């Protein structure tokens, strides 16, 4: 297949995923959101939250607004209270391009501090700088925490009954499918439209994901600029 055929294939796949999203995701109003939140009353101590913040932060590109950590933590506390270990914030910490650096950048340090002060358990890994002569900066940044998240979900399985993922990445679906099939865990996925992997949608169609929730419907709770600068 030439490059044109490859691009057409990607385009068709993207269209198909968007069509599937439209079929699965109906807009929910505030009363339905309240009903969903209220369904966790009595179950908050048995719910694990997985926030893939590297994934969440990318949603701003299509949302047109940013999700604040403080606002996210407030929403999370409706689903999970008590044991901080069950409210997990996964974040790639930037120490700069030099491997000997032991101090994170001011921005990274602030992000971790904000997560911790809002009751989240930060789980971090160092960002890697990978040489790339095609990048104007001379390098790409990369930090993959998918394996860490999957291992933690399986390792901590006796501590929870419900899983809430803030990530549309399909790489975690293998782990959540296992947890659903073998241990009957309930699986909920928060993501932005256009950022959901086909694996997530397929798992939802097969009843391996209990519910996909679209973050756009929660803007009134999560938009960090909605109230701060008024």
Protein backbone atom coordinates (compact mmCIF):
# COMPACT_ATOMS: atom_id res chain seq x y z
CA UNK A 1 0.00 0.00 0.00
CA UNK A 2 1.37 3.46 -0.93
CA UNK A 3 1.29 6.47 1.41
CA UNK A 4 -1.98 7.71 -0.09
CA UNK A 5 -3.68 4.39 0.56
CA UNK A 6 -2.33 4.36 4.11
CA UNK A 7 -3.69 7.87 4.75
CA UNK A 8 -7.10 6.92 3.32
CA UNK A 9 -7.17 3.85 5.58
CA UNK A 10 -6.43 5.99 8.66
CA UNK A 11 -9.11 8.48 7.61
CA UNK A 12 -11.72 5.74 7.21
CA UNK A 13 -10.80 4.26 10.59
CA UNK A 14 -11.17 7.69 12.20
CA UNK A 15 -14.59 8.21 10.59
CA UNK A 16 -15.73 4.78 11.74
CA UNK A 17 -14.63 5.46 15.33
CA UNK A 18 -16.46 8.81 15.28
CA UNK A 19 -19.62 7.10 14.03
CA UNK A 20 -19.37 4.52 16.80
CA UNK A 21 -18.87 7.28 19.38
CA UNK A 22 -22.02 9.01 18.13
CA UNK A 23 -24.00 5.79 18.52
CA UNK A 24 -22.74 5.12 22.05
CA UNK A 25 -22.49 8.61 23.50
CA UNK A 26 -25.72 10.46 24.08
CA UNK A 27 -25.60 13.89 25.70
CA UNK A 28 -26.42 13.66 29.37
CA UNK A 29 -28.05 16.53 31.23
CA UNK A 30 -27.23 17.69 34.74
CA UNK A 31 -29.97 15.62 36.34
CA UNK A 32 -28.62 12.46 34.70
CA UNK A 33 -25.11 13.35 35.83
CA UNK A 34 -26.39 13.82 39.38
CA UNK A 35 -28.13 10.46 39.20
CA UNK A 36 -24.88 8.81 38.08
CA UNK A 37 -22.90 10.49 40.86
CA UNK A 38 -25.51 9.56 43.46
CA UNK A 39 -25.25 5.92 42.42
CA UNK A 40 -21.82 5.83 44.07
CA UNK A 41 -23.13 6.74 47.51
CA UNK A 42 -22.03 3.91 49.78
CA UNK A 43 -19.50 2.66 47.22
CA UNK A 44 -16.91 5.45 47.42
CA UNK A 45 -14.57 3.42 49.63
CA UNK A 46 -14.53 0.63 47.02
CA UNK A 47 -13.87 2.68 43.89
CA UNK A 48 -10.46 3.17 42.29
CA UNK A 49 -9.78 6.21 40.12
CA UNK A 50 -7.10 6.12 37.43
CA UNK A 51 -6.19 9.53 36.01
CA UNK A 52 -3.86 9.38 33.02
CA UNK A 53 -3.13 13.10 33.10
CA UNK A 54 -0.92 13.01 30.02
CA UNK A 55 -3.99 11.79 28.15
CA UNK A 56 -6.41 14.12 29.93
CA UNK A 57 -4.29 17.19 29.20
CA UNK A 58 -4.45 16.51 25.44
CA UNK A 59 -8.23 16.83 25.47
CA UNK A 60 -7.90 20.63 25.63
CA UNK A 61 -6.93 20.57 21.94
CA UNK A 62 -10.48 19.63 20.94
CA UNK A 63 -12.39 20.91 23.99
CA UNK A 64 -11.24 24.50 23.74
CA UNK A 65 -10.94 24.62 27.53
CA UNK A 66 -8.65 23.14 30.17
CA UNK A 67 -9.46 20.67 32.92
CA UNK A 68 -8.17 21.94 36.25
CA UNK A 69 -6.64 19.49 38.72
CA UNK A 70 -8.58 21.10 41.57
CA UNK A 71 -11.84 20.78 39.64
CA UNK A 72 -11.04 17.21 38.63
CA UNK A 73 -10.28 16.26 42.24
CA UNK A 74 -13.61 17.71 43.39
CA UNK A 75 -15.45 15.55 40.87
CA UNK A 76 -13.42 12.49 41.83
CA UNK A 77 -14.34 12.86 45.49
CA UNK A 78 -17.94 12.10 44.52
CA UNK A 79 -16.80 8.65 43.45
CA UNK A 80 -13.94 7.80 45.81
CA UNK A 81 -13.26 8.81 49.41
CA UNK A 82 -11.07 7.50 52.18
CA UNK A 83 -7.97 5.63 51.05
CA UNK A 84 -5.88 8.06 48.96
CA UNK A 85 -4.19 5.11 47.24
CA UNK A 86 -7.42 4.56 45.34
CA UNK A 87 -7.33 8.04 43.77
CA UNK A 88 -4.33 7.73 41.51
CA UNK A 89 -2.87 10.55 39.43
CA UNK A 90 -0.36 9.31 36.83
CA UNK A 91 2.01 11.98 35.56
CA UNK A 92 5.24 12.19 33.60
CA UNK A 93 7.65 14.43 35.50
CA UNK A 94 9.96 16.63 33.43
CA UNK A 95 13.48 16.99 34.82
CA UNK A 96 14.82 18.68 31.70
CA UNK A 97 16.98 17.21 28.92
CA UNK A 98 19.98 16.34 31.09
CA UNK A 99 19.83 12.91 32.73
CA UNK A 100 21.82 14.03 35.76
CA UNK A 101 19.19 16.60 36.74
CA UNK A 102 17.59 15.65 40.06
CA UNK A 103 15.16 18.55 40.33
CA UNK A 104 11.93 18.61 38.30
CA UNK A 105 10.94 21.69 36.34
CA UNK A 106 8.88 24.24 38.22
CA UNK A 107 5.82 23.34 36.16
CA UNK A 108 6.08 19.61 36.91
CA UNK A 109 6.67 20.24 40.60
CA UNK A 110 3.59 22.47 40.75
CA UNK A 111 1.44 19.85 39.01
CA UNK A 112 2.41 17.16 41.50
CA UNK A 113 1.90 19.53 44.43
CA UNK A 114 -1.55 20.47 43.14
CA UNK A 115 -2.56 16.81 42.79
CA UNK A 116 -1.33 15.91 46.27
CA UNK A 117 -2.91 18.91 48.00
CA UNK A 118 -6.24 17.94 46.45
CA UNK A 119 -6.20 14.43 47.87
CA UNK A 120 -4.80 12.49 44.92
CA UNK A 121 -1.99 9.93 45.05
CA UNK A 122 0.62 10.97 42.51
CA UNK A 123 2.33 8.16 40.60
CA UNK A 124 5.19 9.48 38.50
CA UNK A 125 7.82 8.52 36.00
CA UNK A 126 10.63 10.57 34.52
CA UNK A 127 10.01 12.05 31.07
CA UNK A 128 12.51 10.80 28.50
CA UNK A 129 14.14 13.13 25.98
CA UNK A 130 14.57 11.33 22.67
CA UNK A 131 16.76 12.85 19.96
CA UNK A 132 14.83 13.85 16.85
CA UNK A 133 16.54 16.02 14.25
CA UNK A 134 13.17 16.67 12.58
CA UNK A 135 11.87 18.41 15.69
CA UNK A 136 12.76 22.10 15.92
CA UNK A 137 13.67 21.52 19.58
CA UNK A 138 16.02 18.68 18.61
CA UNK A 139 14.16 16.11 20.67
CA UNK A 140 10.80 14.55 21.49
CA UNK A 141 9.47 14.06 25.01
CA UNK A 142 8.01 10.69 25.94
CA UNK A 143 6.64 9.10 29.09
CA UNK A 144 4.49 5.97 28.96
CA UNK A 145 2.65 5.02 32.14
CA UNK A 146 0.16 2.55 30.61
CA UNK A 147 1.99 -0.52 31.93
CA UNK A 148 2.22 1.03 35.41
CA UNK A 149 -1.52 1.71 35.43
CA UNK A 150 -2.38 -1.80 34.25
CA UNK A 151 -0.12 -3.44 36.84
CA UNK A 152 -1.56 -1.30 39.65
CA UNK A 153 -5.12 -2.15 38.63
CA UNK A 154 -4.41 -5.87 38.78
CA UNK A 155 -2.23 -5.70 41.88
CA UNK A 156 -4.82 -3.72 43.84
CA UNK A 157 -7.88 -5.65 42.62
CA UNK A 158 -8.92 -6.78 46.12
CA UNK A 159 -9.22 -3.16 47.26
CA UNK A 160 -12.03 -2.07 44.96
CA UNK A 161 -15.19 -3.07 43.10
CA UNK A 162 -15.46 -0.16 40.66
CA UNK A 163 -12.92 1.28 38.22
CA UNK A 164 -13.16 4.80 36.83
CA UNK A 165 -10.64 5.66 34.12
CA UNK A 166 -9.94 9.20 33.03
CA UNK A 167 -8.40 8.15 29.74
CA UNK A 168 -9.70 7.12 26.35
CA UNK A 169 -6.54 5.18 25.60
CA UNK A 170 -7.27 1.64 24.43
CA UNK A 171 -4.02 0.30 25.91
CA UNK A 172 -5.67 -0.25 29.30
CA UNK A 173 -8.58 -2.25 27.94
CA UNK A 174 -6.75 -5.57 28.10
CA UNK A 175 -6.40 -5.07 31.87
CA UNK A 176 -9.98 -3.85 32.39
CA UNK A 177 -11.40 -6.70 30.29
CA UNK A 178 -9.55 -9.13 32.55
CA UNK A 179 -10.89 -7.43 35.67
CA UNK A 180 -14.45 -7.46 34.31
CA UNK A 181 -14.40 -11.07 33.11
CA UNK A 182 -12.54 -12.64 36.02
CA UNK A 183 -13.62 -10.48 38.98
CA UNK A 184 -16.84 -8.76 37.81
CA UNK A 185 -15.46 -5.27 38.37
CA UNK A 186 -17.56 -2.40 37.06
CA UNK A 187 -15.67 -0.32 34.50
CA UNK A 188 -16.41 3.33 33.71
CA UNK A 189 -14.46 5.45 31.21
CA UNK A 190 -14.32 9.23 31.04
CA UNK A 191 -12.93 10.70 27.82
CA UNK A 192 -13.38 13.48 25.32
CA UNK A 193 -15.07 12.89 22.01
CA UNK A 194 -12.54 12.10 19.32
CA UNK A 195 -10.04 10.81 21.89
CA UNK A 196 -11.49 7.36 22.51
CA UNK A 197 -9.64 4.31 21.25
CA UNK A 198 -11.51 1.76 19.15
CA UNK A 199 -10.68 -0.85 21.82
CA UNK A 200 -12.70 1.12 24.39
CA UNK A 201 -15.70 1.36 22.10
CA UNK A 202 -15.50 -2.32 21.19
CA UNK A 203 -15.32 -3.23 24.90
CA UNK A 204 -18.41 -1.09 25.54
CA UNK A 205 -20.32 -2.86 22.77
CA UNK A 206 -19.34 -6.21 24.33
CA UNK A 207 -20.52 -5.02 27.79
CA UNK A 208 -16.97 -5.12 29.13
CA UNK A 209 -17.11 -1.38 29.78
CA UNK A 210 -20.22 -0.47 31.75
CA UNK A 211 -20.41 3.15 30.67
CA UNK A 212 -18.50 5.71 28.60
CA UNK A 213 -18.95 9.27 29.83
CA UNK A 214 -17.99 12.27 27.73
CA UNK A 215 -16.06 14.98 29.49
CA UNK A 216 -17.79 17.72 27.46
CA UNK A 217 -20.94 17.02 29.47
CA UNK A 218 -19.02 17.83 32.66
CA UNK A 219 -17.63 21.20 31.56
CA UNK A 220 -19.72 23.01 34.17
CA UNK A 221 -17.75 21.09 36.80
CA UNK A 222 -14.30 20.78 35.22
CA UNK A 223 -13.48 23.92 33.20
CA UNK A 224 -10.74 25.54 35.27
CA UNK A 225 -11.44 29.01 33.81
CA UNK A 226 -15.18 28.94 34.32
CA UNK A 227 -15.15 30.55 37.76
CA UNK A 228 -11.56 31.45 38.61
CA UNK A 229 -11.30 34.66 36.63
CA UNK A 230 -14.79 36.06 36.95
